[in-house]
Amino acid sequence: MVGVSMKRGWVNGWKPWVGLAAVCLSLYCSPALADCGGSPGYGMCANVRITTLYIDINADGWLQVSGNVSALPGCSPSDGVLIRVPSAAPNFKAVYATLLAAHMAGRNVNVRIDPNASTCTVAYVTVP
């Protein structure tokens, strides 16, 4: 084994792996598109930042996000830029707690709009 080196260096094989790793990281770490949209019966704000979260006197939650909410089916500019989280919903506390935790942690959320509601109302939320 004279003259054979077992050590791998930049020139002896690591350079292609560094390039591959850089490509993979750029694909997974690139900023995702964040906005609201949909078609009749389906509306969603994907990967949006929560800008405002509050509870009104009737205990309903209200949510403002970084996307264009007026682009959602059932959400008109007359509704303003707020999405309703109704306190009468069976899982209101779980949804509001998820929104609050995401907001406090600085995480983005996905917000699905209820197609059967008369106002711009949350159907469910996810934290990607």
N, C-alpha and C. Protein backbone atom coordinates (compact mmCIF):
# COMPACT_ATOMS: atom_id res chain seq x y z
N MET A 1 0.82 -1.18 0.00
CA MET A 1 0.00 0.00 0.00
C MET A 1 0.87 1.25 0.00
N VAL A 2 1.92 1.21 -0.70
CA VAL A 2 2.81 2.35 -0.78
C VAL A 2 2.21 3.38 -1.72
N GLY A 3 2.15 4.63 -1.27
CA GLY A 3 1.68 5.73 -2.10
C GLY A 3 0.17 5.88 -2.17
N VAL A 4 -0.59 5.06 -1.42
CA VAL A 4 -2.05 5.18 -1.43
C VAL A 4 -2.48 5.92 -0.17
N SER A 5 -3.21 6.97 -0.37
CA SER A 5 -3.69 7.76 0.78
C SER A 5 -5.16 7.46 1.01
N MET A 6 -5.54 7.20 2.25
CA MET A 6 -6.92 6.92 2.60
C MET A 6 -7.66 8.20 2.99
N LYS A 7 -6.97 9.29 3.08
CA LYS A 7 -7.62 10.52 3.50
C LYS A 7 -8.33 11.14 2.30
N ARG A 8 -9.56 11.59 2.53
CA ARG A 8 -10.34 12.25 1.48
C ARG A 8 -10.30 13.74 1.73
N GLY A 9 -10.02 14.47 0.76
CA GLY A 9 -9.95 15.92 0.89
C GLY A 9 -10.84 16.59 -0.12
N TRP A 10 -10.69 17.88 -0.22
CA TRP A 10 -11.50 18.68 -1.14
C TRP A 10 -11.33 18.16 -2.58
N VAL A 11 -10.12 17.86 -2.95
CA VAL A 11 -9.85 17.43 -4.31
C VAL A 11 -10.18 15.96 -4.50
N ASN A 12 -10.07 15.15 -3.45
CA ASN A 12 -10.22 13.71 -3.59
C ASN A 12 -11.64 13.21 -3.40
N GLY A 13 -12.65 14.01 -3.70
CA GLY A 13 -14.00 13.44 -3.65
C GLY A 13 -15.05 14.26 -2.92
N TRP A 14 -14.69 15.26 -2.16
CA TRP A 14 -15.70 16.00 -1.40
C TRP A 14 -16.34 17.13 -2.21
N LYS A 15 -15.67 17.66 -3.18
CA LYS A 15 -16.18 18.80 -3.94
C LYS A 15 -17.55 18.52 -4.57
N PRO A 16 -17.77 17.38 -5.22
CA PRO A 16 -19.11 17.13 -5.78
C PRO A 16 -20.20 17.09 -4.70
N TRP A 17 -19.88 16.56 -3.51
CA TRP A 17 -20.87 16.47 -2.44
C TRP A 17 -21.24 17.83 -1.89
N VAL A 18 -20.28 18.74 -1.84
CA VAL A 18 -20.56 20.10 -1.36
C VAL A 18 -21.50 20.79 -2.34
N GLY A 19 -21.27 20.63 -3.63
CA GLY A 19 -22.15 21.23 -4.64
C GLY A 19 -23.55 20.67 -4.56
N LEU A 20 -23.67 19.35 -4.39
CA LEU A 20 -24.98 18.72 -4.27
C LEU A 20 -25.70 19.21 -3.03
N ALA A 21 -25.00 19.33 -1.93
CA ALA A 21 -25.61 19.82 -0.69
C ALA A 21 -26.09 21.25 -0.87
N ALA A 22 -25.34 22.09 -1.55
CA ALA A 22 -25.75 23.48 -1.77
C ALA A 22 -27.02 23.55 -2.60
N VAL A 23 -27.13 22.70 -3.62
CA VAL A 23 -28.34 22.67 -4.45
C VAL A 23 -29.54 22.22 -3.62
N CYS A 24 -29.37 21.18 -2.83
CA CYS A 24 -30.46 20.67 -1.99
C CYS A 24 -30.91 21.72 -0.98
N LEU A 25 -29.99 22.39 -0.34
CA LEU A 25 -30.36 23.42 0.63
C LEU A 25 -31.08 24.57 -0.04
N SER A 26 -30.65 24.96 -1.23
CA SER A 26 -31.32 26.07 -1.90
C SER A 26 -32.74 25.71 -2.27
N LEU A 27 -33.01 24.44 -2.57
CA LEU A 27 -34.37 24.03 -2.89
C LEU A 27 -35.26 24.01 -1.66
N TYR A 28 -34.74 23.54 -0.53
CA TYR A 28 -35.55 23.40 0.67
C TYR A 28 -35.59 24.67 1.51
N CYS A 29 -34.63 25.53 1.38
CA CYS A 29 -34.57 26.72 2.21
C CYS A 29 -35.03 27.98 1.49
N SER A 30 -35.45 27.86 0.23
CA SER A 30 -35.91 29.05 -0.47
C SER A 30 -37.24 29.50 0.11
N PRO A 31 -37.51 30.80 0.11
CA PRO A 31 -38.75 31.28 0.69
C PRO A 31 -39.94 30.78 -0.11
N ALA A 32 -40.96 30.32 0.61
CA ALA A 32 -42.17 29.83 -0.04
C ALA A 32 -43.08 31.00 -0.36
N LEU A 33 -43.89 30.81 -1.38
CA LEU A 33 -44.85 31.85 -1.71
C LEU A 33 -45.93 31.90 -0.64
N ALA A 34 -46.34 33.10 -0.28
CA ALA A 34 -47.35 33.27 0.75
C ALA A 34 -48.43 34.19 0.23
N ASP A 35 -49.64 33.68 0.12
CA ASP A 35 -50.75 34.52 -0.27
C ASP A 35 -52.05 33.76 -0.10
N CYS A 36 -53.14 34.47 -0.41
CA CYS A 36 -54.47 33.91 -0.28
C CYS A 36 -55.11 33.81 -1.66
N GLY A 37 -55.96 32.84 -1.82
CA GLY A 37 -56.68 32.70 -3.07
C GLY A 37 -57.55 31.47 -3.05
N GLY A 38 -58.14 31.17 -4.17
CA GLY A 38 -58.97 30.00 -4.28
C GLY A 38 -60.04 30.17 -5.32
N SER A 39 -60.96 29.24 -5.32
CA SER A 39 -62.08 29.25 -6.24
C SER A 39 -63.35 29.06 -5.42
N PRO A 40 -64.52 29.25 -6.00
CA PRO A 40 -65.76 29.07 -5.22
C PRO A 40 -65.78 27.71 -4.51
N GLY A 41 -66.06 27.74 -3.25
CA GLY A 41 -66.09 26.52 -2.45
C GLY A 41 -64.75 26.15 -1.85
N TYR A 42 -63.70 26.87 -2.22
CA TYR A 42 -62.40 26.56 -1.65
C TYR A 42 -61.58 27.84 -1.57
N GLY A 43 -61.14 28.18 -0.39
CA GLY A 43 -60.29 29.35 -0.21
C GLY A 43 -59.27 29.06 0.87
N MET A 44 -58.05 29.53 0.65
CA MET A 44 -57.00 29.27 1.61
C MET A 44 -55.94 30.35 1.55
N CYS A 45 -55.41 30.69 2.71
CA CYS A 45 -54.22 31.52 2.80
C CYS A 45 -53.09 30.56 3.14
N ALA A 46 -52.11 30.47 2.27
CA ALA A 46 -51.03 29.50 2.45
C ALA A 46 -49.74 30.19 2.89
N ASN A 47 -49.16 29.67 3.95
CA ASN A 47 -47.87 30.12 4.46
C ASN A 47 -47.83 31.62 4.72
N VAL A 48 -48.85 32.10 5.43
CA VAL A 48 -48.95 33.53 5.72
C VAL A 48 -48.56 33.81 7.18
N ARG A 49 -48.13 35.03 7.41
CA ARG A 49 -47.75 35.47 8.75
C ARG A 49 -48.97 36.10 9.42
N ILE A 50 -49.18 35.81 10.68
CA ILE A 50 -50.25 36.43 11.46
C ILE A 50 -49.79 37.82 11.86
N THR A 51 -50.55 38.83 11.46
CA THR A 51 -50.18 40.20 11.80
C THR A 51 -50.98 40.73 12.97
N THR A 52 -52.22 40.27 13.13
CA THR A 52 -53.08 40.70 14.24
C THR A 52 -53.92 39.52 14.70
N LEU A 53 -54.10 39.39 15.97
CA LEU A 53 -54.92 38.34 16.56
C LEU A 53 -55.60 38.93 17.78
N TYR A 54 -56.94 38.92 17.81
CA TYR A 54 -57.62 39.47 18.99
C TYR A 54 -58.97 38.82 19.21
N ILE A 55 -59.51 39.05 20.40
CA ILE A 55 -60.83 38.55 20.81
C ILE A 55 -61.74 39.76 21.00
N ASP A 56 -62.96 39.70 20.46
CA ASP A 56 -63.89 40.82 20.65
C ASP A 56 -64.78 40.59 21.87
N ILE A 57 -65.70 41.51 22.12
CA ILE A 57 -66.56 41.46 23.31
C ILE A 57 -67.47 40.23 23.33
N ASN A 58 -67.75 39.67 22.15
CA ASN A 58 -68.58 38.46 22.05
C ASN A 58 -67.76 37.18 22.13
N ALA A 59 -66.48 37.32 22.40
CA ALA A 59 -65.53 36.22 22.54
C ALA A 59 -65.18 35.56 21.21
N ASP A 60 -65.52 36.19 20.09
CA ASP A 60 -65.07 35.69 18.78
C ASP A 60 -63.62 36.12 18.58
N GLY A 61 -62.86 35.26 17.95
CA GLY A 61 -61.49 35.60 17.61
C GLY A 61 -61.45 36.21 16.21
N TRP A 62 -60.50 37.07 15.99
CA TRP A 62 -60.31 37.71 14.69
C TRP A 62 -58.84 37.64 14.33
N LEU A 63 -58.57 37.39 13.07
CA LEU A 63 -57.24 37.11 12.58
C LEU A 63 -56.95 37.98 11.37
N GLN A 64 -55.80 38.62 11.36
CA GLN A 64 -55.33 39.34 10.19
C GLN A 64 -54.02 38.70 9.77
N VAL A 65 -53.88 38.44 8.47
CA VAL A 65 -52.69 37.77 7.95
C VAL A 65 -52.03 38.62 6.88
N SER A 66 -50.83 38.22 6.50
CA SER A 66 -50.04 38.98 5.54
C SER A 66 -50.53 38.85 4.11
N GLY A 67 -51.39 37.89 3.80
CA GLY A 67 -51.87 37.69 2.43
C GLY A 67 -53.05 38.59 2.10
N ASN A 68 -53.46 38.56 0.84
CA ASN A 68 -54.59 39.36 0.35
C ASN A 68 -55.90 38.61 0.61
N VAL A 69 -56.51 38.86 1.76
CA VAL A 69 -57.71 38.15 2.18
C VAL A 69 -58.88 38.42 1.24
N SER A 70 -58.95 39.60 0.66
CA SER A 70 -60.08 39.92 -0.22
C SER A 70 -60.07 39.05 -1.49
N ALA A 71 -58.97 38.35 -1.77
CA ALA A 71 -58.91 37.43 -2.91
C ALA A 71 -59.58 36.09 -2.61
N LEU A 72 -59.99 35.87 -1.35
CA LEU A 72 -60.61 34.61 -0.97
C LEU A 72 -62.09 34.61 -1.33
N PRO A 73 -62.61 33.48 -1.82
CA PRO A 73 -64.05 33.38 -2.06
C PRO A 73 -64.81 33.55 -0.75
N GLY A 74 -65.80 34.41 -0.74
CA GLY A 74 -66.59 34.65 0.46
C GLY A 74 -66.03 35.73 1.36
N CYS A 75 -64.87 36.26 1.04
CA CYS A 75 -64.26 37.32 1.83
C CYS A 75 -64.20 38.58 0.98
N SER A 76 -65.07 39.52 1.27
CA SER A 76 -65.13 40.73 0.46
C SER A 76 -64.37 41.86 1.14
N PRO A 77 -63.99 42.86 0.36
CA PRO A 77 -63.30 44.02 0.97
C PRO A 77 -64.15 44.69 2.05
N SER A 78 -65.48 44.54 1.98
CA SER A 78 -66.32 45.12 3.03
C SER A 78 -66.13 44.43 4.37
N ASP A 79 -65.63 43.17 4.33
CA ASP A 79 -65.31 42.46 5.57
C ASP A 79 -64.04 43.01 6.20
N GLY A 80 -63.35 43.87 5.47
CA GLY A 80 -62.06 44.34 5.94
C GLY A 80 -61.00 43.30 5.63
N VAL A 81 -60.00 43.24 6.42
CA VAL A 81 -58.92 42.29 6.20
C VAL A 81 -58.89 41.23 7.30
N LEU A 82 -59.99 41.08 8.01
CA LEU A 82 -60.02 40.17 9.15
C LEU A 82 -60.76 38.87 8.82
N ILE A 83 -60.26 37.79 9.37
CA ILE A 83 -60.89 36.48 9.24
C ILE A 83 -61.44 36.12 10.62
N ARG A 84 -62.68 35.69 10.64
CA ARG A 84 -63.37 35.38 11.91
C ARG A 84 -63.07 33.96 12.38
N VAL A 85 -62.85 33.84 13.68
CA VAL A 85 -62.72 32.53 14.34
C VAL A 85 -63.86 32.49 15.36
N PRO A 86 -65.02 31.89 14.99
CA PRO A 86 -66.21 31.97 15.85
C PRO A 86 -66.06 31.21 17.16
N SER A 87 -66.41 31.89 18.25
CA SER A 87 -66.29 31.27 19.57
C SER A 87 -67.29 30.13 19.76
N ALA A 88 -68.35 30.11 18.95
CA ALA A 88 -69.35 29.04 19.06
C ALA A 88 -68.88 27.74 18.40
N ALA A 89 -67.79 27.79 17.66
CA ALA A 89 -67.26 26.59 17.01
C ALA A 89 -66.82 25.59 18.08
N PRO A 90 -67.06 24.31 17.85
CA PRO A 90 -66.72 23.30 18.86
C PRO A 90 -65.25 23.27 19.27
N ASN A 91 -64.35 23.57 18.36
CA ASN A 91 -62.92 23.52 18.66
C ASN A 91 -62.28 24.90 18.68
N PHE A 92 -63.05 25.91 19.07
CA PHE A 92 -62.56 27.28 19.09
C PHE A 92 -61.27 27.42 19.89
N LYS A 93 -61.25 26.85 21.10
CA LYS A 93 -60.07 27.01 21.96
C LYS A 93 -58.83 26.39 21.33
N ALA A 94 -58.98 25.24 20.70
CA ALA A 94 -57.82 24.58 20.07
C ALA A 94 -57.32 25.39 18.88
N VAL A 95 -58.23 25.91 18.06
CA VAL A 95 -57.83 26.72 16.91
C VAL A 95 -57.17 28.01 17.37
N TYR A 96 -57.79 28.68 18.34
CA TYR A 96 -57.23 29.94 18.81
C TYR A 96 -55.87 29.71 19.48
N ALA A 97 -55.74 28.63 20.24
CA ALA A 97 -54.46 28.32 20.89
C ALA A 97 -53.37 28.04 19.85
N THR A 98 -53.73 27.35 18.76
CA THR A 98 -52.78 27.09 17.68
C THR A 98 -52.34 28.40 17.03
N LEU A 99 -53.30 29.28 16.75
CA LEU A 99 -52.98 30.58 16.16
C LEU A 99 -52.10 31.42 17.09
N LEU A 100 -52.45 31.43 18.36
CA LEU A 100 -51.68 32.21 19.33
C LEU A 100 -50.25 31.68 19.46
N ALA A 101 -50.11 30.36 19.53
CA ALA A 101 -48.78 29.75 19.64
C ALA A 101 -47.94 30.06 18.39
N ALA A 102 -48.54 29.96 17.21
CA ALA A 102 -47.81 30.26 15.98
C ALA A 102 -47.42 31.72 15.93
N HIS A 103 -48.33 32.59 16.35
CA HIS A 103 -48.04 34.03 16.35
C HIS A 103 -46.89 34.36 17.31
N MET A 104 -46.94 33.79 18.50
CA MET A 104 -45.89 34.05 19.50
C MET A 104 -44.54 33.48 19.07
N ALA A 105 -44.56 32.37 18.34
CA ALA A 105 -43.31 31.73 17.90
C ALA A 105 -42.80 32.32 16.58
N GLY A 106 -43.59 33.21 15.97
CA GLY A 106 -43.17 33.78 14.70
C GLY A 106 -43.28 32.83 13.53
N ARG A 107 -44.12 31.80 13.67
CA ARG A 107 -44.30 30.81 12.61
C ARG A 107 -45.41 31.22 11.65
N ASN A 108 -45.31 30.85 10.40
CA ASN A 108 -46.37 31.08 9.44
C ASN A 108 -47.45 30.02 9.59
N VAL A 109 -48.63 30.30 9.03
CA VAL A 109 -49.75 29.37 9.13
C VAL A 109 -50.43 29.23 7.77
N ASN A 110 -51.19 28.16 7.64
CA ASN A 110 -52.11 27.97 6.53
C ASN A 110 -53.51 28.11 7.12
N VAL A 111 -54.35 28.92 6.49
CA VAL A 111 -55.71 29.15 7.00
C VAL A 111 -56.69 28.75 5.91
N ARG A 112 -57.54 27.76 6.19
CA ARG A 112 -58.59 27.33 5.25
C ARG A 112 -59.86 28.07 5.62
N ILE A 113 -60.54 28.63 4.62
CA ILE A 113 -61.77 29.38 4.84
C ILE A 113 -62.97 28.46 4.69
N ASP A 114 -63.96 28.64 5.58
CA ASP A 114 -65.19 27.85 5.55
C ASP A 114 -66.06 28.28 4.37
N PRO A 115 -66.28 27.39 3.39
CA PRO A 115 -67.06 27.78 2.21
C PRO A 115 -68.56 27.96 2.51
N ASN A 116 -69.04 27.45 3.64
CA ASN A 116 -70.45 27.53 3.97
C ASN A 116 -70.81 28.71 4.87
N ALA A 117 -69.81 29.46 5.31
CA ALA A 117 -70.07 30.58 6.22
C ALA A 117 -70.48 31.82 5.43
N SER A 118 -71.29 32.66 6.06
CA SER A 118 -71.74 33.88 5.38
C SER A 118 -70.69 34.99 5.45
N THR A 119 -69.77 34.90 6.38
CA THR A 119 -68.67 35.87 6.47
C THR A 119 -67.35 35.13 6.32
N CYS A 120 -66.29 35.86 6.21
CA CYS A 120 -64.95 35.29 6.06
C CYS A 120 -64.58 34.59 7.37
N THR A 121 -64.68 33.27 7.41
CA THR A 121 -64.56 32.50 8.65
C THR A 121 -63.58 31.34 8.48
N VAL A 122 -62.79 31.10 9.51
CA VAL A 122 -61.83 29.99 9.51
C VAL A 122 -62.55 28.65 9.57
N ALA A 123 -62.12 27.72 8.71
CA ALA A 123 -62.58 26.33 8.80
C ALA A 123 -61.56 25.52 9.61
N TYR A 124 -60.27 25.70 9.29
CA TYR A 124 -59.21 25.08 10.07
C TYR A 124 -57.90 25.78 9.77
N VAL A 125 -56.91 25.54 10.64
CA VAL A 125 -55.58 26.11 10.46
C VAL A 125 -54.54 25.01 10.61
N THR A 126 -53.41 25.20 9.94
CA THR A 126 -52.26 24.31 10.11
C THR A 126 -51.01 25.18 10.24
N VAL A 127 -50.03 24.64 10.92
CA VAL A 127 -48.74 25.31 11.05
C VAL A 127 -47.74 24.46 10.27
N PRO A 128 -47.28 24.95 9.08
CA PRO A 128 -46.37 24.14 8.27
C PRO A 128 -45.01 24.01 8.89
